[in-house]
Each structure stands twice: as structure tokens, then as C-alpha cells.
Amino acid sequence: MDRFVLRRVIARAVGVTVVSGLMTAMVVVAPSSAAGDTTEAGAISGTVTWPTGQMRPGTAPRVSAYREGGGGSWQQPEVDPSGSYTLTGLEPGAYVVTFFESDDVYALQRYGGESFETAQRIEVGTETVSGIDFDAKYTGGIAGRITDSRGVDLQTGTFWVQILDSLGNEVDMKRIHDDGTYEIWGLATGEYRFLIMDWNHNFFYEYYGESETPEGAAPVNVEYGNLTENIDVALDFGAVAKVSLRGPGGEPIDENSWILMTGHDASGASAGGTQGGEQSHVRTKWLPDRDAPI
């Protein structure tokens, strides 16, 4: 192959230009974006003041920043127990900054406004905007413990508390901690009733105040910003009906069959139930002082 042609082939491979049979290098300077975005990022920092002077143990409050336009940008770093936080890597723009806590222990706040629409927009450039501070406030809450009728803590992890407002509407339902204690936040000021349930039906359902019905339950007054404590409930052991089942002609039940059984009180209301086979146990959720046809 002619040496000049060979040089042209090599030149194309390595990105140089051949002029009058000579090889001369061509240097191309790429724009900065080709080597990576060098846009400088800004930051937002501030301090959260806790109601009691210290962050409540077991909580994980966060601060988020939402940038308007351009699709928006979210960050949600946890607030340090000291109260300090910093949102970094923010592109230039106007941001809405929000303080919140996933379990609603602390009330959600928008910086500089009561809502997203009225919140103050924080203009961020390439430097840190400091002083975006929050004064944390508690929501309304209740706390208590669940025991059996002997005073022994119940620690099975199958207990739930249902919260009803003054009209009987369900407000929330939370699982009770495995150690038998519970703490529920996010409640507004008002009057509530609480039903404790064991989903395994080993214990009878009971409203706070030793009642089977919401009408007989003891009302609990909750004030926003405070925790109402010592809402304790002692549950009675459940009643269990042992049931033996046979198929047509007295034949054993097919081992692959599952039978759904429910117990009812005299009014026809469901009082418990189970799924089972040839030998089953129906556990009732209300007091056994009445008939429970199956």
C-alpha cells in the first residue's frame, strides 16, 4: 500500500489531519457539559427547635425541599438530634421547604406559610441559604399499655387499637407494640373512643372503659400539642368452641378442604370465626354470656 494512503488510514483512526503528505494533529476542545455538568449547586440549612428541648426518642423527623418548575427536586434528609439540618446539591431555583415526621408525632410545617400555596419560596443560587428554622410542635396523641385481666403485659404482637371520633367514625387504626404498649399521634383536639382488638381472638375485644360497645366506652379527650397518657386496657381471655366436622354420611373431611366457620350472637352479629379442617376451634371476640350459634 502506498505510504501516503497508509498514513491517511492511520490518521483517520487516531483523529489527525493529513496536509500535503504530512501528519498534523487536530486538537478539539469539548464544551464543559461534555465532560460533566459543572453547574454549581446550592444548599439550604437551618435549625429545628424541639418542644421539650430534645428530639423525642424513636422519631425520625425530616426536612424536604421542592423546587418549582423543571420537574422539581426532592431531598428528605433526617434532622440531627441537635436540631440542625442541611439540604445540599440543590439546583438554582425557588424552593418550598417542609418539616415533617412520618408517624405524625410532630406537626407538618411549611416554612413561611400554612400551606404549600402560601409557603415562602426560598431562592437558592450557588451558595448556602441559612436560617430556615422551624419551631417543632407536637400533634395530639394517646399512650397506654395492654394487659390481660391478671395485669400481665400482652406481648404477642397481634393487638390493634381502633380510634373512633365522637360520631363513631374510624379515624385511624394502629398496631400495638410487641411489648404491649402503644403511642398514637396525629390526632386533632376532640373526644375519642378506643377499641382494643386481638386479631387471633385469644382475648375479647374491648373498648376503653370496659365496654363491648362504643356507646358504653369511656370517652378520652385529646388536646392538640399534648400526649394523653395512661389509657390502659386489661383484656379478658377469649372463649373457645371446639368443633368436630364430618362430611356426608359421616365420612372424614377431605384433608385438602378448608372450612370457614363463624360464631354469631343472639342478634346475628358476628362474634368470631376461624378457618379449619376436621378439628377446629372457633374463638369468640365478645363476652361469652350469650348463645353463639355456629
Protein backbone atom coordinates (compact mmCIF):
# COMPACT_ATOMS: atom_id res chain seq x y z
CA MET A 1 0.00 0.00 0.00
CA ASP A 2 1.24 3.48 -0.85
CA ARG A 3 2.78 5.05 2.24
CA PHE A 4 0.71 8.22 1.80
CA VAL A 5 -2.54 6.21 1.69
CA LEU A 6 -1.38 4.25 4.71
CA ARG A 7 -0.76 7.47 6.57
CA ARG A 8 -4.33 8.63 5.73
CA VAL A 9 -5.79 5.38 7.09
CA ILE A 10 -3.79 5.77 10.31
CA ALA A 11 -4.72 9.43 10.54
CA ARG A 12 -8.45 8.66 10.38
CA ALA A 13 -8.05 6.06 13.09
CA VAL A 14 -6.32 8.42 15.52
CA GLY A 15 -8.17 11.64 14.66
CA VAL A 16 -5.50 13.74 12.89
CA THR A 17 -5.47 15.51 9.52
CA VAL A 18 -3.02 14.92 6.70
CA VAL A 19 -1.87 18.05 4.79
CA SER A 20 0.47 17.77 1.77
CA GLY A 21 1.51 14.31 2.86
CA LEU A 22 2.37 15.44 6.38
CA MET A 23 0.52 14.38 9.53
CA THR A 24 -0.71 17.29 11.66
CA ALA A 25 -2.66 16.85 14.89
CA MET A 26 -6.08 18.48 15.33
CA VAL A 27 -6.92 19.41 18.91
CA VAL A 28 -10.65 19.67 19.67
CA VAL A 29 -11.73 21.40 22.89
CA ALA A 30 -15.07 19.97 24.05
CA PRO A 31 -17.66 22.12 25.82
CA SER A 32 -17.68 21.76 29.61
CA SER A 33 -21.01 19.89 29.51
CA ALA A 34 -19.37 17.05 27.55
CA ALA A 35 -17.02 16.38 30.43
CA GLY A 36 -19.79 16.55 33.01
CA ASP A 37 -22.18 19.18 34.31
CA THR A 38 -20.20 21.81 36.18
CA THR A 39 -23.24 23.81 37.30
CA GLU A 40 -22.64 24.81 40.89
CA ALA A 41 -25.22 23.60 43.42
CA GLY A 42 -26.64 25.48 46.36
CA ALA A 43 -27.84 24.41 49.80
CA ILE A 44 -30.41 25.21 52.48
CA SER A 45 -29.68 24.87 56.19
CA GLY A 46 -31.45 25.60 59.42
CA THR A 47 -32.25 24.51 62.95
CA VAL A 48 -35.32 22.79 64.41
CA THR A 49 -36.23 23.71 67.99
CA TRP A 50 -37.82 20.81 69.90
CA PRO A 51 -40.85 21.36 72.20
CA THR A 52 -39.10 19.81 75.21
CA GLY A 53 -35.58 20.88 74.28
CA GLN A 54 -34.70 17.42 72.94
CA MET A 55 -35.84 15.37 69.96
CA ARG A 56 -38.32 12.71 71.05
CA PRO A 57 -36.67 9.24 71.12
CA GLY A 58 -37.80 6.90 68.37
CA THR A 59 -38.78 9.65 65.95
CA ALA A 60 -37.16 10.46 62.60
CA PRO A 61 -38.20 13.98 61.57
CA ARG A 62 -37.09 15.15 58.13
CA VAL A 63 -36.90 18.28 56.04
CA SER A 64 -37.68 18.29 52.32
CA ALA A 65 -37.14 20.87 49.58
CA TYR A 66 -39.29 21.02 46.46
CA ARG A 67 -38.16 23.11 43.51
CA GLU A 68 -40.86 24.66 41.40
CA GLY A 69 -40.57 24.32 37.64
CA GLY A 70 -38.32 21.97 35.73
CA GLY A 71 -39.94 18.90 37.25
CA GLY A 72 -38.93 19.73 40.80
CA SER A 73 -36.29 18.27 43.10
CA TRP A 74 -36.84 16.37 46.33
CA GLN A 75 -34.50 15.76 49.23
CA GLN A 76 -35.52 14.39 52.62
CA PRO A 77 -32.55 14.20 55.00
CA GLU A 78 -33.19 13.36 58.64
CA VAL A 79 -32.86 16.15 61.15
CA ASP A 80 -29.95 15.72 63.54
CA PRO A 81 -30.95 15.21 67.23
CA SER A 82 -29.33 18.59 67.90
CA GLY A 83 -31.91 20.08 65.52
CA SER A 84 -29.58 21.01 62.67
CA TYR A 85 -30.16 20.02 59.06
CA THR A 86 -28.68 20.79 55.65
CA LEU A 87 -30.13 20.19 52.20
CA THR A 88 -27.27 20.02 49.69
CA GLY A 89 -26.90 19.63 45.95
CA LEU A 90 -29.80 21.94 45.12
CA GLU A 91 -30.06 23.36 41.64
CA PRO A 92 -30.72 27.10 41.43
CA GLY A 93 -34.40 27.93 41.78
CA ALA A 94 -37.26 28.67 44.17
CA TYR A 95 -37.91 26.03 46.83
CA VAL A 96 -40.68 25.18 49.28
CA VAL A 97 -39.16 23.75 52.47
CA THR A 98 -41.22 21.35 54.61
CA PHE A 99 -40.63 19.88 58.08
CA PHE A 100 -42.45 16.58 58.78
CA GLU A 101 -42.36 13.27 60.65
CA SER A 102 -43.69 10.01 59.20
CA ASP A 103 -45.56 8.93 62.37
CA ASP A 104 -47.14 12.39 62.80
CA VAL A 105 -45.53 12.89 66.20
CA TYR A 106 -44.58 16.38 65.04
CA ALA A 107 -46.97 18.52 63.05
CA LEU A 108 -46.12 19.09 59.39
CA GLN A 109 -44.94 22.64 58.72
CA ARG A 110 -44.25 24.64 55.56
CA TYR A 111 -41.65 27.35 56.01
CA GLY A 112 -43.28 30.77 55.96
CA GLY A 113 -46.87 29.63 55.37
CA GLU A 114 -49.74 27.43 56.46
CA SER A 115 -49.98 25.52 53.18
CA PHE A 116 -47.93 24.69 50.10
CA GLU A 117 -49.60 27.52 48.22
CA THR A 118 -48.86 30.14 50.87
CA ALA A 119 -45.39 28.89 51.89
CA GLN A 120 -42.47 31.23 51.37
CA ARG A 121 -40.35 30.43 48.33
CA ILE A 122 -36.66 30.17 49.18
CA GLU A 123 -34.45 31.39 46.34
CA VAL A 124 -31.36 29.20 46.02
CA GLY A 125 -28.32 30.05 43.91
CA THR A 126 -24.86 28.58 44.25
CA GLU A 127 -24.37 29.29 47.95
CA THR A 128 -25.98 28.10 51.19
CA VAL A 129 -29.18 29.82 52.31
CA SER A 130 -29.09 29.56 56.10
CA GLY A 131 -31.56 30.40 58.83
CA ILE A 132 -34.52 28.39 57.50
CA ASP A 133 -35.58 27.39 61.00
CA PHE A 134 -38.60 25.54 62.38
CA ASP A 135 -40.25 25.52 65.80
CA ALA A 136 -41.44 21.90 66.06
CA LYS A 137 -44.86 21.26 67.60
CA TYR A 138 -46.47 18.03 68.77
CA THR A 139 -49.76 16.82 67.35
CA GLY A 140 -52.36 15.27 69.69
CA GLY A 141 -51.60 11.78 70.97
CA ILE A 142 -52.59 8.99 73.34
CA ALA A 143 -50.47 6.35 75.03
CA GLY A 144 -51.12 3.31 77.19
CA ARG A 145 -50.47 -0.37 77.74
CA ILE A 146 -52.42 -3.57 77.21
CA THR A 147 -52.52 -6.37 79.80
CA ASP A 148 -54.63 -9.41 80.48
CA SER A 149 -57.12 -9.44 83.35
CA ARG A 150 -54.32 -10.50 85.74
CA GLY A 151 -52.20 -7.45 84.89
CA VAL A 152 -49.68 -9.38 82.77
CA ASP A 153 -48.37 -7.44 79.76
CA LEU A 154 -49.57 -8.85 76.45
CA GLN A 155 -46.66 -9.31 74.08
CA THR A 156 -47.95 -11.37 71.16
CA GLY A 157 -47.87 -8.65 68.50
CA THR A 158 -51.43 -9.35 67.31
CA PHE A 159 -53.19 -6.45 69.07
CA TRP A 160 -54.54 -3.37 67.33
CA VAL A 161 -56.25 -0.22 68.53
CA GLN A 162 -59.05 1.34 66.52
CA ILE A 163 -59.73 5.04 67.09
CA LEU A 164 -63.24 6.43 66.68
CA ASP A 165 -64.29 10.07 66.75
CA SER A 166 -67.31 11.41 68.66
CA LEU A 167 -69.61 10.40 65.76
CA GLY A 168 -68.32 6.82 65.71
CA ASN A 169 -66.29 7.23 62.54
CA GLU A 170 -62.94 5.45 62.32
CA VAL A 171 -60.07 7.94 62.50
CA ASP A 172 -57.15 5.53 62.47
CA MET A 173 -56.03 2.01 63.32
CA LYS A 174 -52.58 1.18 64.66
CA ARG A 175 -50.78 -1.99 65.70
CA ILE A 176 -49.79 -2.14 69.34
CA HIS A 177 -46.08 -2.60 70.01
CA ASP A 178 -44.80 -6.09 70.72
CA ASP A 179 -44.18 -5.14 74.36
CA GLY A 180 -47.87 -4.35 74.85
CA THR A 181 -47.51 -0.56 74.84
CA TYR A 182 -48.85 1.87 72.29
CA GLU A 183 -48.43 5.53 71.41
CA ILE A 184 -50.57 7.10 68.70
CA TRP A 185 -50.12 10.61 67.36
CA GLY A 186 -51.63 12.76 64.66
CA LEU A 187 -54.94 13.39 66.46
CA ALA A 188 -56.73 16.73 66.45
CA THR A 189 -58.32 18.23 69.55
CA GLY A 190 -61.50 16.31 70.32
CA GLU A 191 -63.23 13.43 72.04
CA TYR A 192 -62.33 9.86 71.04
CA ARG A 193 -63.17 6.26 71.87
CA PHE A 194 -60.74 3.35 71.55
CA LEU A 195 -61.34 -0.29 70.71
CA ILE A 196 -58.62 -2.83 71.50
CA MET A 197 -58.66 -5.91 69.26
CA ASP A 198 -56.80 -9.21 69.26
CA TRP A 199 -56.85 -10.48 65.70
CA ASN A 200 -56.14 -14.00 66.92
CA HIS A 201 -59.25 -13.84 69.13
CA ASN A 202 -57.34 -15.18 72.12
CA PHE A 203 -58.75 -12.25 74.09
CA PHE A 204 -62.09 -10.50 73.92
CA TYR A 205 -62.37 -7.20 72.10
CA GLU A 206 -62.90 -4.31 74.47
CA TYR A 207 -63.44 -0.56 74.31
CA TYR A 208 -61.54 1.60 76.76
CA GLY A 209 -63.81 1.79 79.80
CA GLU A 210 -64.61 -1.97 79.86
CA SER A 211 -67.36 -1.87 77.27
CA GLU A 212 -68.34 -4.06 74.33
CA THR A 213 -69.95 -1.14 72.51
CA PRO A 214 -68.81 2.37 71.58
CA GLU A 215 -71.87 3.78 73.37
CA GLY A 216 -70.64 2.39 76.68
CA ALA A 217 -66.99 3.28 76.11
CA ALA A 218 -65.26 5.90 78.24
CA PRO A 219 -64.50 8.99 76.11
CA VAL A 220 -60.93 10.26 76.00
CA ASN A 221 -60.31 13.96 75.48
CA VAL A 222 -57.28 14.76 73.34
CA GLU A 223 -55.71 18.20 73.09
CA TYR A 224 -53.57 19.11 70.10
CA GLY A 225 -49.96 19.51 71.18
CA ASN A 226 -50.21 17.12 74.13
CA LEU A 227 -49.92 13.40 74.82
CA THR A 228 -52.78 11.87 76.87
CA GLU A 229 -51.19 9.01 78.77
CA ASN A 230 -52.27 6.00 80.86
CA ILE A 231 -55.08 4.92 78.54
CA ASP A 232 -54.64 1.33 79.70
CA VAL A 233 -56.85 -1.66 78.93
CA ALA A 234 -56.99 -5.09 80.62
CA LEU A 235 -58.43 -7.73 78.29
CA ASP A 236 -60.32 -10.86 79.33
CA PHE A 237 -59.33 -14.24 77.95
CA GLY A 238 -61.43 -15.30 74.97
CA ALA A 239 -63.93 -18.14 74.78
CA VAL A 240 -63.13 -21.08 72.51
CA ALA A 241 -65.61 -23.54 70.99
CA LYS A 242 -64.10 -26.82 69.80
CA VAL A 243 -65.82 -28.08 66.68
CA SER A 244 -65.62 -31.54 65.06
CA LEU A 245 -66.69 -31.76 61.43
CA ARG A 246 -67.69 -34.74 59.29
CA GLY A 247 -68.53 -34.99 55.62
CA PRO A 248 -71.62 -36.55 54.02
CA GLY A 249 -72.52 -39.90 55.57
CA GLY A 250 -70.15 -39.26 58.46
CA GLU A 251 -67.11 -39.57 56.27
CA PRO A 252 -63.96 -37.67 57.33
CA ILE A 253 -63.45 -34.23 55.86
CA ASP A 254 -61.11 -34.19 52.87
CA GLU A 255 -57.70 -33.24 54.24
CA ASN A 256 -57.34 -30.65 51.47
CA SER A 257 -60.58 -28.91 52.43
CA TRP A 258 -60.75 -25.73 54.45
CA ILE A 259 -63.99 -24.83 56.17
CA LEU A 260 -64.88 -21.27 57.13
CA MET A 261 -66.83 -21.06 60.37
CA THR A 262 -68.20 -18.02 62.13
CA GLY A 263 -69.83 -17.61 65.54
CA HIS A 264 -72.82 -15.29 65.98
CA ASP A 265 -74.53 -13.83 68.99
CA ALA A 266 -78.28 -13.94 69.56
CA SER A 267 -78.79 -10.86 67.39
CA GLY A 268 -76.98 -12.43 64.46
CA ALA A 269 -73.88 -10.26 64.75
CA SER A 270 -70.56 -11.98 64.11
CA ALA A 271 -68.75 -12.87 67.31
CA GLY A 272 -65.67 -14.57 65.88
CA GLY A 273 -64.59 -17.16 63.41
CA THR A 274 -61.89 -19.37 62.01
CA GLN A 275 -60.81 -21.47 59.06
CA GLY A 276 -60.05 -25.10 59.72
CA GLY A 277 -60.45 -28.74 58.91
CA GLU A 278 -61.79 -31.78 60.70
CA GLN A 279 -60.90 -30.47 64.17
CA SER A 280 -61.23 -26.70 64.59
CA HIS A 281 -61.51 -24.07 67.27
CA VAL A 282 -63.80 -21.06 66.94
CA ARG A 283 -62.60 -18.18 69.10
CA THR A 284 -65.15 -15.53 70.02
CA LYS A 285 -64.32 -11.83 70.40
CA TRP A 286 -67.13 -10.80 72.76
CA LEU A 287 -68.03 -11.90 76.28
CA PRO A 288 -69.45 -15.47 76.42
CA ASP A 289 -72.60 -14.62 78.40
CA ARG A 290 -74.92 -15.39 75.50
CA ASP A 291 -75.52 -18.03 72.84
CA ALA A 292 -73.06 -18.24 69.98
CA PRO A 293 -74.52 -20.42 67.22
CA ILE A 294 -72.03 -21.63 64.63
